[in-house]
Amino acid sequence: MAHMMRNMRVPPNSASLAEAKHKTLEFFRMCCRSIPEIMEIYNLYDVVSPSQLRSAVAAEVRKNSNLTNPKVIDMLLFKGMEELKNCVDHSKQRHHLVGKYVVGNQGLVQDLGHKDQGSSNFLKNFYSGNYF
């Protein structure tokens, strides 16, 4: 699969919305075919299953499903191909993939509830001034 990614080139611009959607579907299939290799390269078996990673990729593709401009879709496909190539070529580190595709946006939310303010005035002032 890595040899396929190394020879990958940017496809020409889409002439219509149907062609852009077809290219998107082909890109998604290419991503799904690359998942076992990415799982092996980054040793992700202990944090995520291949089906969960496939679902994360599908969610990223579906996030932009409402677009109707073929040029914008082509630009996003280019960015996606670049991301996939970086993953397959091992240009990223494991924590990059875990943070973006495993943990996602909702996993990094801080608990903004009431914290124990401590007993000293210094800690009370510190918490009140530096906590969001």
C-alpha atoms as a PDB file:
ATOM      1  CA  MET A   1       0.000   0.000   0.000  1.00  0.00           C
ATOM      2  CA  ALA A   2       2.890   2.359   0.702  1.00  0.00           C
ATOM      3  CA  HIS A   3       4.079   2.065  -2.885  1.00  0.00           C
ATOM      4  CA  MET A   4       0.640   3.190  -4.047  1.00  0.00           C
ATOM      5  CA  MET A   5       0.803   6.257  -1.786  1.00  0.00           C
ATOM      6  CA  ARG A   6       4.271   7.244  -2.979  1.00  0.00           C
ATOM      7  CA  ASN A   7       3.114   7.340  -6.603  1.00  0.00           C
ATOM      8  CA  MET A   8      -0.036   9.266  -5.755  1.00  0.00           C
ATOM      9  CA  ARG A   9      -0.512  12.524  -7.600  1.00  0.00           C
ATOM     10  CA  VAL A  10      -3.073  15.257  -7.465  1.00  0.00           C
ATOM     11  CA  PRO A  11      -6.066  14.447  -9.676  1.00  0.00           C
ATOM     12  CA  PRO A  12      -7.267  17.070 -12.141  1.00  0.00           C
ATOM     13  CA  ASN A  13     -10.053  19.406 -11.100  1.00  0.00           C
ATOM     14  CA  SER A  14     -13.543  17.975 -11.094  1.00  0.00           C
ATOM     15  CA  ALA A  15     -15.823  19.126 -13.881  1.00  0.00           C
ATOM     16  CA  SER A  16     -19.037  18.517 -11.972  1.00  0.00           C
ATOM     17  CA  LEU A  17     -20.387  17.837  -8.510  1.00  0.00           C
ATOM     18  CA  ALA A  18     -21.014  14.183  -9.406  1.00  0.00           C
ATOM     19  CA  GLU A  19     -17.377  13.728 -10.411  1.00  0.00           C
ATOM     20  CA  ALA A  20     -16.188  15.372  -7.182  1.00  0.00           C
ATOM     21  CA  LYS A  21     -18.421  13.085  -5.109  1.00  0.00           C
ATOM     22  CA  HIS A  22     -17.075  10.058  -7.005  1.00  0.00           C
ATOM     23  CA  LYS A  23     -13.498  11.166  -6.229  1.00  0.00           C
ATOM     24  CA  THR A  24     -14.478  11.563  -2.581  1.00  0.00           C
ATOM     25  CA  LEU A  25     -15.818   8.022  -2.481  1.00  0.00           C
ATOM     26  CA  GLU A  26     -12.609   6.704  -4.094  1.00  0.00           C
ATOM     27  CA  PHE A  27     -10.541   8.637  -1.548  1.00  0.00           C
ATOM     28  CA  PHE A  28     -12.566   7.130   1.310  1.00  0.00           C
ATOM     29  CA  ARG A  29     -11.994   3.647  -0.103  1.00  0.00           C
ATOM     30  CA  MET A  30      -8.262   4.364  -0.353  1.00  0.00           C
ATOM     31  CA  CYS A  31      -8.273   5.459   3.296  1.00  0.00           C
ATOM     32  CA  CYS A  32     -10.096   2.298   4.358  1.00  0.00           C
ATOM     33  CA  ARG A  33      -7.586   0.148   2.486  1.00  0.00           C
ATOM     34  CA  SER A  34      -4.730   1.965   4.260  1.00  0.00           C
ATOM     35  CA  ILE A  35      -6.097   1.519   7.783  1.00  0.00           C
ATOM     36  CA  PRO A  36      -4.493  -1.914   8.473  1.00  0.00           C
ATOM     37  CA  GLU A  37      -1.095  -0.587   7.434  1.00  0.00           C
ATOM     38  CA  ILE A  38      -1.509   2.561   9.538  1.00  0.00           C
ATOM     39  CA  MET A  39      -2.590   0.452  12.515  1.00  0.00           C
ATOM     40  CA  GLU A  40       0.566  -1.625  12.109  1.00  0.00           C
ATOM     41  CA  ILE A  41       2.932   1.331  11.571  1.00  0.00           C
ATOM     42  CA  TYR A  42       1.744   3.289  14.599  1.00  0.00           C
ATOM     43  CA  ASN A  43       0.880   0.269  16.799  1.00  0.00           C
ATOM     44  CA  LEU A  44      -2.644   1.543  17.443  1.00  0.00           C
ATOM     45  CA  TYR A  45      -4.169  -1.819  18.343  1.00  0.00           C
ATOM     46  CA  ASP A  46      -4.048  -1.053  22.077  1.00  0.00           C
ATOM     47  CA  VAL A  47      -6.025   2.215  21.793  1.00  0.00           C
ATOM     48  CA  VAL A  48      -8.439   1.735  18.885  1.00  0.00           C
ATOM     49  CA  SER A  49      -9.838  -0.989  16.656  1.00  0.00           C
ATOM     50  CA  PRO A  50      -9.738  -0.760  12.851  1.00  0.00           C
ATOM     51  CA  SER A  51     -13.509  -0.320  12.723  1.00  0.00           C
ATOM     52  CA  GLN A  52     -13.359   2.604  15.165  1.00  0.00           C
ATOM     53  CA  LEU A  53     -10.624   4.236  13.098  1.00  0.00           C
ATOM     54  CA  ARG A  54     -12.706   3.679   9.951  1.00  0.00           C
ATOM     55  CA  SER A  55     -15.655   5.337  11.680  1.00  0.00           C
ATOM     56  CA  ALA A  56     -13.482   8.326  12.611  1.00  0.00           C
ATOM     57  CA  VAL A  57     -12.355   8.696   8.997  1.00  0.00           C
ATOM     58  CA  ALA A  58     -15.962   8.389   7.814  1.00  0.00           C
ATOM     59  CA  ALA A  59     -16.978  11.115  10.261  1.00  0.00           C
ATOM     60  CA  GLU A  60     -14.277  13.401   8.855  1.00  0.00           C
ATOM     61  CA  VAL A  61     -15.544  12.778   5.326  1.00  0.00           C
ATOM     62  CA  ARG A  62     -19.190  13.252   6.320  1.00  0.00           C
ATOM     63  CA  LYS A  63     -18.362  16.494   8.100  1.00  0.00           C
ATOM     64  CA  ASN A  64     -18.126  18.191   4.707  1.00  0.00           C
ATOM     65  CA  SER A  65     -20.932  16.300   2.966  1.00  0.00           C
ATOM     66  CA  ASN A  66     -23.019  19.439   2.503  1.00  0.00           C
ATOM     67  CA  LEU A  67     -20.538  21.133   0.148  1.00  0.00           C
ATOM     68  CA  THR A  68     -21.703  21.760  -3.416  1.00  0.00           C
ATOM     69  CA  ASN A  69     -18.735  23.582  -4.952  1.00  0.00           C
ATOM     70  CA  PRO A  70     -16.493  21.087  -6.824  1.00  0.00           C
ATOM     71  CA  LYS A  71     -13.420  23.305  -6.398  1.00  0.00           C
ATOM     72  CA  VAL A  72     -13.795  23.302  -2.619  1.00  0.00           C
ATOM     73  CA  ILE A  73     -14.310  19.544  -2.614  1.00  0.00           C
ATOM     74  CA  ASP A  74     -11.158  19.104  -4.739  1.00  0.00           C
ATOM     75  CA  MET A  75      -9.181  21.269  -2.322  1.00  0.00           C
ATOM     76  CA  LEU A  76     -10.370  19.198   0.648  1.00  0.00           C
ATOM     77  CA  LEU A  77      -9.536  16.001  -1.241  1.00  0.00           C
ATOM     78  CA  PHE A  78      -6.031  17.329  -1.827  1.00  0.00           C
ATOM     79  CA  LYS A  79      -5.655  18.048   1.887  1.00  0.00           C
ATOM     80  CA  GLY A  80      -7.008  14.600   2.734  1.00  0.00           C
ATOM     81  CA  MET A  81      -4.602  12.893   0.339  1.00  0.00           C
ATOM     82  CA  GLU A  82      -1.738  14.844   1.859  1.00  0.00           C
ATOM     83  CA  GLU A  83      -2.831  13.754   5.359  1.00  0.00           C
ATOM     84  CA  LEU A  84      -3.123  10.123   4.260  1.00  0.00           C
ATOM     85  CA  LYS A  85       0.275  10.232   2.573  1.00  0.00           C
ATOM     86  CA  ASN A  86       1.845  11.693   5.719  1.00  0.00           C
ATOM     87  CA  CYS A  87       0.300   8.921   7.811  1.00  0.00           C
ATOM     88  CA  VAL A  88       1.403   6.125   5.485  1.00  0.00           C
ATOM     89  CA  ASP A  89       4.907   7.572   5.027  1.00  0.00           C
ATOM     90  CA  HIS A  90       5.277   7.758   8.833  1.00  0.00           C
ATOM     91  CA  SER A  91       5.683  11.539   8.746  1.00  0.00           C
ATOM     92  CA  LYS A  92       3.474  11.838  11.816  1.00  0.00           C
ATOM     93  CA  GLN A  93       3.970  10.544  15.294  1.00  0.00           C
ATOM     94  CA  ARG A  94       1.641   8.222  17.137  1.00  0.00           C
ATOM     95  CA  HIS A  95       0.243  10.888  19.446  1.00  0.00           C
ATOM     96  CA  HIS A  96      -0.774  13.001  16.445  1.00  0.00           C
ATOM     97  CA  LEU A  97      -3.061  10.228  15.211  1.00  0.00           C
ATOM     98  CA  VAL A  98      -4.344   9.366  18.666  1.00  0.00           C
ATOM     99  CA  GLY A  99      -5.172  12.994  19.392  1.00  0.00           C
ATOM    100  CA  LYS A 100      -6.916  13.645  16.095  1.00  0.00           C
ATOM    101  CA  TYR A 101      -8.700  10.389  15.294  1.00  0.00           C
ATOM    102  CA  VAL A 102      -8.994   8.456  18.560  1.00  0.00           C
ATOM    103  CA  VAL A 103      -9.552  11.082  21.233  1.00  0.00           C
ATOM    104  CA  GLY A 104     -11.105  13.624  18.874  1.00  0.00           C
ATOM    105  CA  ASN A 105     -12.541  16.985  19.773  1.00  0.00           C
ATOM    106  CA  GLN A 106     -14.700  15.909  22.706  1.00  0.00           C
ATOM    107  CA  GLY A 107     -11.881  14.062  24.497  1.00  0.00           C
ATOM    108  CA  LEU A 108      -9.813  17.128  25.253  1.00  0.00           C
ATOM    109  CA  VAL A 109     -12.497  19.137  27.066  1.00  0.00           C
ATOM    110  CA  GLN A 110     -11.377  20.450  30.421  1.00  0.00           C
ATOM    111  CA  ASP A 111     -13.501  20.085  33.510  1.00  0.00           C
ATOM    112  CA  LEU A 112     -14.506  23.648  34.250  1.00  0.00           C
ATOM    113  CA  GLY A 113     -16.381  22.839  37.429  1.00  0.00           C
ATOM    114  CA  HIS A 114     -15.543  24.056  40.935  1.00  0.00           C
ATOM    115  CA  LYS A 115     -12.074  23.004  42.064  1.00  0.00           C
ATOM    116  CA  ASP A 116     -10.845  22.618  45.592  1.00  0.00           C
ATOM    117  CA  GLN A 117      -9.452  26.062  46.253  1.00  0.00           C
ATOM    118  CA  GLY A 118      -6.974  24.885  48.863  1.00  0.00           C
ATOM    119  CA  SER A 119      -6.412  26.366  52.255  1.00  0.00           C
ATOM    120  CA  SER A 120      -3.778  29.026  51.590  1.00  0.00           C
ATOM    121  CA  ASN A 121      -4.514  32.503  50.287  1.00  0.00           C
ATOM    122  CA  PHE A 122      -1.806  32.102  47.685  1.00  0.00           C
ATOM    123  CA  LEU A 123      -3.524  29.081  46.111  1.00  0.00           C
ATOM    124  CA  LYS A 124      -6.929  30.755  46.264  1.00  0.00           C
ATOM    125  CA  ASN A 125      -5.570  33.799  44.412  1.00  0.00           C
ATOM    126  CA  PHE A 126      -3.701  31.584  41.963  1.00  0.00           C
ATOM    127  CA  TYR A 127      -6.769  29.515  41.115  1.00  0.00           C
ATOM    128  CA  SER A 128      -9.031  32.534  40.787  1.00  0.00           C
ATOM    129  CA  GLY A 129      -6.588  34.342  38.504  1.00  0.00           C
ATOM    130  CA  ASN A 130      -5.322  31.530  36.272  1.00  0.00           C
ATOM    131  CA  TYR A 131      -8.250  29.171  35.856  1.00  0.00           C
ATOM    132  CA  PHE A 132     -10.604  29.608  32.955  1.00  0.00           C
END
